[in-house]
Amino acid sequence: MEPTLNTPPDRSSLYSSQIRTELSSGNWEALFQITRTWLESEADQPVATFIQNIACLFVNPPAIIRNKRYLESVPNKDWKIVLAWFKEIYTEQDQHNPYFQAINFILQPPSKKVQAIETALNEHPDHPELLFLQSISLRDKNKSIEKLKLAVENKPAFPAALYLLGIFSLELNQVDAAQDYLTRAISLAPDFLEAHYQLGSLYSLYKPDLQDQVKVHFEKVIELDPDGGAGRDARKVLDHSSQPQYGQRIGRSPVARRGGMSTLTILGIALLTVWLFSGPIANVFHITNPTVGIVAGLFVFIGLYSAWGRRR
């Protein structure tokens, strides 16, 4: 009798099948767990890393911080792998599924992005993930806020959307609304570093009667980011009563911000808006594949949407 060869199943096919199943229903938590398991057995696997970052955006904002460096420098060869993988699993039936449409929007070249998101929202006008993606590609903050409010209305446990609502509200001088949105984001995601930083900055800059809250949130920032730019700046605020350097400021204040959480986050926000990638910004940042830059911007949004605008 011939010996039986126990050939292990193809890992990529197995995980891709699981991802496809969970993506069909928008189970971002399951997608995060599947890709984490995949990455434990195959570190830096392009598809797993890409899908995990999307899942992080919708369920676990703190994980965006851990993965943003990868997203800001996705190698072209990895990007091609992701594109080929999605083309293989994306069927005609999936073209009407909002979660597949969200991935399709991210992967589209700049010239096709507007059409992709508008087509998706025509079919699913109240879909929170699609509304969120649309909101961060709009130039009009009032329209972005409208989209984000609708997203939160349909998905209350959406910390990333609440965070952006806080940032955009503050840009429009709506301090109390910004405070409420940032507080709600933290209640859903207690380790959301950027939300703690921006809320601590808001209290420091605009709420003199609530300075005890500055300490609460900046101590949390130091705990979460002890050696990073946010943590170092928070320590300066607490130790020397200085103004936060990276805190969101309302309106067009003459007190310009000096940057963001880090140089990398400034780069991320500079890459955020679709239209910029047909212009000089792509050359300034030496981005040969503009779609990669847009994906990076989507996940490194972290409150710096307006920072780039003020620096123009």
Protein backbone atom coordinates (compact mmCIF):
# COMPACT_ATOMS: atom_id res chain seq x y z
CA MET A 1 0.00 0.00 0.00
CA GLU A 2 1.38 3.34 -1.05
CA PRO A 3 1.99 5.85 1.78
CA THR A 4 -0.44 8.76 1.92
CA LEU A 5 1.13 12.15 1.51
CA ASN A 6 -0.38 14.73 3.87
CA THR A 7 -0.04 17.85 1.80
CA PRO A 8 -0.95 20.93 3.82
CA PRO A 9 -3.60 23.18 2.26
CA ASP A 10 -2.47 26.33 0.53
CA ARG A 11 -2.43 28.95 3.28
CA SER A 12 -3.15 31.87 0.98
CA SER A 13 -6.19 30.18 -0.54
CA LEU A 14 -7.51 29.23 2.89
CA TYR A 15 -7.18 32.72 4.35
CA SER A 16 -8.46 34.38 1.18
CA SER A 17 -11.57 32.23 1.35
CA GLN A 18 -12.13 33.23 4.98
CA ILE A 19 -11.55 36.90 4.19
CA ARG A 20 -13.99 36.77 1.31
CA THR A 21 -16.68 35.26 3.53
CA GLU A 22 -16.30 37.83 6.30
CA LEU A 23 -15.92 40.75 3.91
CA SER A 24 -19.24 39.85 2.31
CA SER A 25 -20.99 40.63 5.59
CA GLY A 26 -18.67 43.43 6.73
CA ASN A 27 -17.44 41.57 9.80
CA TRP A 28 -14.39 43.76 10.45
CA GLU A 29 -13.64 42.19 13.83
CA ALA A 30 -13.41 38.76 12.22
CA LEU A 31 -11.30 40.16 9.40
CA PHE A 32 -8.90 41.65 11.93
CA GLN A 33 -8.55 38.28 13.70
CA ILE A 34 -8.12 36.32 10.45
CA THR A 35 -5.42 38.61 9.16
CA ARG A 36 -3.66 38.66 12.51
CA THR A 37 -3.47 34.87 12.42
CA TRP A 38 -2.26 34.97 8.83
CA LEU A 39 0.46 37.49 9.68
CA GLU A 40 1.62 35.37 12.61
CA SER A 41 2.40 32.57 10.17
CA GLU A 42 3.53 34.80 7.30
CA ALA A 43 4.88 38.12 8.50
CA ASP A 44 4.33 41.16 6.24
CA GLN A 45 2.01 39.23 3.93
CA PRO A 46 0.77 42.05 1.62
CA VAL A 47 -2.90 41.05 1.41
CA ALA A 48 -3.17 40.31 5.13
CA THR A 49 -1.49 43.61 6.04
CA PHE A 50 -3.72 45.59 3.69
CA ILE A 51 -6.99 44.04 4.88
CA GLN A 52 -5.96 44.31 8.53
CA ASN A 53 -5.40 48.04 8.19
CA ILE A 54 -8.83 48.50 6.67
CA ALA A 55 -10.37 46.48 9.50
CA CYS A 56 -8.46 48.61 12.03
CA LEU A 57 -10.00 51.73 10.57
CA PHE A 58 -13.51 50.53 11.28
CA VAL A 59 -13.13 48.72 14.60
CA ASN A 60 -9.88 49.53 16.37
CA PRO A 61 -8.33 52.98 15.84
CA PRO A 62 -5.31 52.36 18.10
CA ALA A 63 -4.16 49.66 15.71
CA ILE A 64 -3.91 52.28 12.97
CA ILE A 65 -1.01 53.77 14.88
CA ARG A 66 0.86 50.47 14.94
CA ASN A 67 0.41 49.85 11.24
CA LYS A 68 0.65 53.31 9.72
CA ARG A 69 4.36 53.09 8.89
CA TYR A 70 3.66 50.19 6.58
CA LEU A 71 0.83 52.01 4.86
CA GLU A 72 2.97 55.05 4.23
CA SER A 73 5.55 53.02 2.37
CA VAL A 74 3.78 50.13 0.67
CA PRO A 75 6.23 48.73 -1.91
CA ASN A 76 4.92 48.66 -5.45
CA LYS A 77 5.42 44.92 -5.61
CA ASP A 78 3.20 44.42 -2.56
CA TRP A 79 0.58 46.76 -3.96
CA LYS A 80 0.51 44.77 -7.18
CA ILE A 81 -0.04 41.59 -5.16
CA VAL A 82 -3.04 43.18 -3.42
CA LEU A 83 -4.49 44.39 -6.71
CA ALA A 84 -4.09 40.97 -8.31
CA TRP A 85 -5.62 39.26 -5.27
CA PHE A 86 -8.67 41.50 -5.26
CA LYS A 87 -9.18 41.11 -8.99
CA GLU A 88 -9.20 37.37 -8.49
CA ILE A 89 -11.83 37.32 -5.71
CA TYR A 90 -13.98 40.25 -6.91
CA THR A 91 -16.89 38.71 -8.81
CA GLU A 92 -19.75 40.31 -10.69
CA GLN A 93 -22.02 39.60 -7.72
CA ASP A 94 -19.66 41.47 -5.39
CA GLN A 95 -19.92 44.64 -7.44
CA HIS A 96 -23.15 45.43 -5.58
CA ASN A 97 -21.88 44.51 -2.10
CA PRO A 98 -21.06 47.71 -0.10
CA TYR A 99 -18.05 46.18 1.66
CA PHE A 100 -16.47 45.01 -1.56
CA GLN A 101 -17.32 48.40 -3.03
CA ALA A 102 -15.40 50.04 -0.17
CA ILE A 103 -12.30 47.99 -0.95
CA ASN A 104 -12.77 48.65 -4.64
CA PHE A 105 -12.89 52.41 -3.98
CA ILE A 106 -9.58 52.30 -2.10
CA LEU A 107 -7.90 50.29 -4.82
CA GLN A 108 -9.14 52.39 -7.73
CA PRO A 109 -6.73 54.81 -9.46
CA PRO A 110 -7.45 58.49 -8.70
CA SER A 111 -9.25 59.10 -11.98
CA LYS A 112 -11.89 56.49 -11.13
CA LYS A 113 -12.33 57.06 -7.40
CA VAL A 114 -15.12 59.63 -7.56
CA GLN A 115 -17.19 57.47 -9.86
CA ALA A 116 -16.54 54.39 -7.71
CA ILE A 117 -17.73 55.97 -4.43
CA GLU A 118 -20.71 57.71 -6.05
CA THR A 119 -21.84 54.48 -7.69
CA ALA A 120 -21.55 52.64 -4.39
CA LEU A 121 -23.48 55.30 -2.46
CA ASN A 122 -26.21 55.45 -5.08
CA GLU A 123 -26.85 51.80 -4.26
CA HIS A 124 -26.26 52.14 -0.50
CA PRO A 125 -26.88 55.80 0.43
CA ASP A 126 -26.78 55.24 4.21
CA HIS A 127 -23.84 52.84 4.40
CA PRO A 128 -21.50 54.07 7.19
CA GLU A 129 -18.19 52.79 5.81
CA LEU A 130 -18.86 54.21 2.36
CA LEU A 131 -19.94 57.54 3.86
CA PHE A 132 -16.78 57.64 5.97
CA LEU A 133 -14.55 57.04 2.96
CA GLN A 134 -16.37 59.71 1.01
CA SER A 135 -16.09 62.22 3.87
CA ILE A 136 -12.30 62.11 3.98
CA SER A 137 -12.03 62.69 0.25
CA LEU A 138 -14.18 65.85 0.27
CA ARG A 139 -12.74 69.34 0.42
CA ASP A 140 -15.83 70.91 1.99
CA LYS A 141 -15.75 70.32 5.75
CA ASN A 142 -19.46 71.03 6.13
CA LYS A 143 -20.26 68.32 3.60
CA SER A 144 -17.78 66.00 5.30
CA ILE A 145 -19.54 66.57 8.61
CA GLU A 146 -22.91 65.80 7.01
CA LYS A 147 -21.55 62.50 5.68
CA LEU A 148 -19.94 61.59 9.01
CA LYS A 149 -23.08 62.39 10.99
CA LEU A 150 -25.06 60.08 8.74
CA ALA A 151 -22.36 57.41 9.13
CA VAL A 152 -22.54 57.63 12.93
CA GLU A 153 -26.32 57.65 12.85
CA ASN A 154 -26.22 54.32 11.05
CA LYS A 155 -23.24 52.97 13.01
CA PRO A 156 -23.10 54.55 16.51
CA ALA A 157 -20.03 52.52 17.55
CA PHE A 158 -17.75 54.14 14.98
CA PRO A 159 -14.87 55.83 16.86
CA ALA A 160 -12.91 56.87 13.77
CA ALA A 161 -15.94 58.72 12.38
CA LEU A 162 -16.60 60.38 15.74
CA TYR A 163 -12.97 61.43 15.92
CA LEU A 164 -13.11 63.09 12.51
CA LEU A 165 -16.38 64.78 13.45
CA GLY A 166 -14.53 66.26 16.42
CA ILE A 167 -11.66 67.50 14.29
CA PHE A 168 -13.82 68.97 11.55
CA SER A 169 -16.17 70.58 14.10
CA LEU A 170 -13.25 72.29 15.78
CA GLU A 171 -12.06 73.62 12.45
CA LEU A 172 -15.46 75.28 12.14
CA ASN A 173 -15.17 76.86 15.62
CA GLN A 174 -17.65 74.40 17.15
CA VAL A 175 -15.69 73.68 20.31
CA ASP A 176 -18.47 72.13 22.39
CA ALA A 177 -19.50 69.82 19.55
CA ALA A 178 -15.86 68.81 19.05
CA GLN A 179 -15.52 68.04 22.75
CA ASP A 180 -18.61 65.83 22.63
CA TYR A 181 -17.48 63.88 19.56
CA LEU A 182 -13.94 63.30 20.86
CA THR A 183 -15.29 62.20 24.24
CA ARG A 184 -17.61 59.71 22.54
CA ALA A 185 -14.73 58.38 20.43
CA ILE A 186 -12.66 57.72 23.55
CA SER A 187 -15.59 56.06 25.31
CA LEU A 188 -15.70 53.55 22.45
CA ALA A 189 -11.92 53.23 22.03
CA PRO A 190 -10.21 53.97 25.39
CA ASP A 191 -6.71 53.66 23.89
CA PHE A 192 -7.33 55.97 20.94
CA LEU A 193 -4.11 57.98 21.21
CA GLU A 194 -4.98 60.80 18.83
CA ALA A 195 -8.42 61.31 20.36
CA HIS A 196 -6.86 61.65 23.83
CA TYR A 197 -4.27 64.07 22.49
CA GLN A 198 -6.75 66.27 20.67
CA LEU A 199 -9.21 66.29 23.56
CA GLY A 200 -6.43 67.21 25.99
CA SER A 201 -5.38 69.97 23.60
CA LEU A 202 -8.95 71.22 23.34
CA TYR A 203 -9.22 71.54 27.12
CA SER A 204 -5.80 73.20 27.27
CA LEU A 205 -6.57 75.76 24.56
CA TYR A 206 -10.28 76.47 25.02
CA LYS A 207 -11.57 75.23 28.38
CA PRO A 208 -9.72 77.07 31.18
CA ASP A 209 -12.18 75.80 33.80
CA LEU A 210 -11.45 72.16 32.94
CA GLN A 211 -7.67 72.08 33.19
CA ASP A 212 -7.84 68.93 35.32
CA GLN A 213 -8.99 67.14 32.15
CA VAL A 214 -5.80 68.23 30.38
CA LYS A 215 -3.83 66.16 32.87
CA VAL A 216 -6.15 63.17 32.53
CA HIS A 217 -5.85 62.97 28.78
CA PHE A 218 -2.21 63.95 28.42
CA GLU A 219 -1.15 61.42 31.03
CA LYS A 220 -2.95 58.82 28.92
CA VAL A 221 -1.09 60.09 25.85
CA ILE A 222 2.22 59.67 27.68
CA GLU A 223 1.22 56.15 28.69
CA LEU A 224 0.31 55.22 25.10
CA ASP A 225 3.16 57.05 23.35
CA PRO A 226 5.99 57.54 25.87
CA ASP A 227 8.76 58.01 23.30
CA GLY A 228 6.78 59.44 20.38
CA GLY A 229 6.09 63.02 19.37
CA ALA A 230 2.67 63.09 21.00
CA GLY A 231 3.97 61.74 24.30
CA ARG A 232 6.92 64.13 24.41
CA ASP A 233 4.72 67.12 23.65
CA ALA A 234 2.15 66.07 26.27
CA ARG A 235 4.93 65.85 28.85
CA LYS A 236 6.06 69.39 28.00
CA VAL A 237 2.52 70.68 28.44
CA LEU A 238 2.18 69.04 31.85
CA ASP A 239 5.68 69.83 33.11
CA HIS A 240 6.11 73.36 31.74
CA SER A 241 2.55 74.58 31.16
CA SER A 242 3.35 75.12 27.49
CA GLN A 243 0.75 75.08 24.74
CA PRO A 244 0.33 71.81 22.85
CA GLN A 245 2.19 72.08 19.57
CA TYR A 246 0.05 69.65 17.62
CA GLY A 247 -3.39 70.36 19.03
CA GLN A 248 -6.16 71.18 16.59
CA ARG A 249 -6.87 74.93 16.59
CA ILE A 250 -10.13 76.51 15.54
CA GLY A 251 -10.68 78.58 12.45
CA ARG A 252 -7.81 80.31 10.71
CA SER A 253 -5.93 81.27 13.84
CA PRO A 254 -2.69 83.17 13.26
CA VAL A 255 -1.11 80.76 15.70
CA ALA A 256 -0.14 78.16 13.12
CA ARG A 257 0.43 74.59 14.06
CA ARG A 258 3.96 73.40 13.67
CA GLY A 259 3.10 69.93 12.55
CA GLY A 260 1.24 66.82 13.56
CA MET A 261 1.79 63.77 15.65
CA SER A 262 4.95 63.20 13.66
CA THR A 263 6.51 63.97 10.31
CA LEU A 264 4.98 60.74 9.06
CA THR A 265 1.46 61.82 9.94
CA ILE A 266 1.95 65.13 8.16
CA LEU A 267 3.02 63.14 5.11
CA GLY A 268 -0.05 60.96 5.48
CA ILE A 269 -2.46 63.89 5.52
CA ALA A 270 -0.63 65.52 2.63
CA LEU A 271 -1.43 62.39 0.67
CA LEU A 272 -5.07 62.31 1.73
CA THR A 273 -6.96 64.26 -0.95
CA VAL A 274 -7.45 62.51 -4.23
CA TRP A 275 -7.06 65.57 -6.37
CA LEU A 276 -3.57 66.35 -5.15
CA PHE A 277 -2.14 63.29 -6.80
CA SER A 278 -2.53 64.72 -10.25
CA GLY A 279 -0.61 67.80 -9.13
CA PRO A 280 2.71 68.88 -7.59
CA ILE A 281 2.33 67.18 -4.20
CA ALA A 282 3.03 63.78 -5.73
CA ASN A 283 6.32 65.13 -7.06
CA VAL A 284 7.25 66.83 -3.79
CA PHE A 285 6.86 63.57 -1.88
CA HIS A 286 8.32 61.42 -4.67
CA ILE A 287 5.22 59.26 -4.94
CA THR A 288 5.46 57.23 -8.12
CA ASN A 289 2.30 55.24 -7.41
CA PRO A 290 -0.41 57.75 -6.40
CA THR A 291 -2.89 55.09 -5.36
CA VAL A 292 -0.48 53.91 -2.67
CA GLY A 293 -0.36 57.42 -1.29
CA ILE A 294 -4.11 57.71 -1.19
CA VAL A 295 -4.41 54.47 0.76
CA ALA A 296 -1.84 55.73 3.22
CA GLY A 297 -3.79 58.95 3.65
CA LEU A 298 -6.99 57.06 4.34
CA PHE A 299 -5.51 55.34 7.35
CA VAL A 300 -3.26 58.06 8.67
CA PHE A 301 -6.05 60.61 8.82
CA ILE A 302 -5.42 61.23 12.59
CA GLY A 303 -6.71 64.75 12.84
CA LEU A 304 -4.29 66.36 10.44
CA TYR A 305 -6.66 67.01 7.56
CA SER A 306 -6.56 70.72 8.19
CA ALA A 307 -2.89 70.92 9.15
CA TRP A 308 -1.79 70.62 5.56
CA GLY A 309 -4.37 73.22 4.49
CA ARG A 310 -2.99 75.78 6.93
CA ARG A 311 0.55 75.16 5.79
CA ARG A 312 -0.23 75.96 2.15
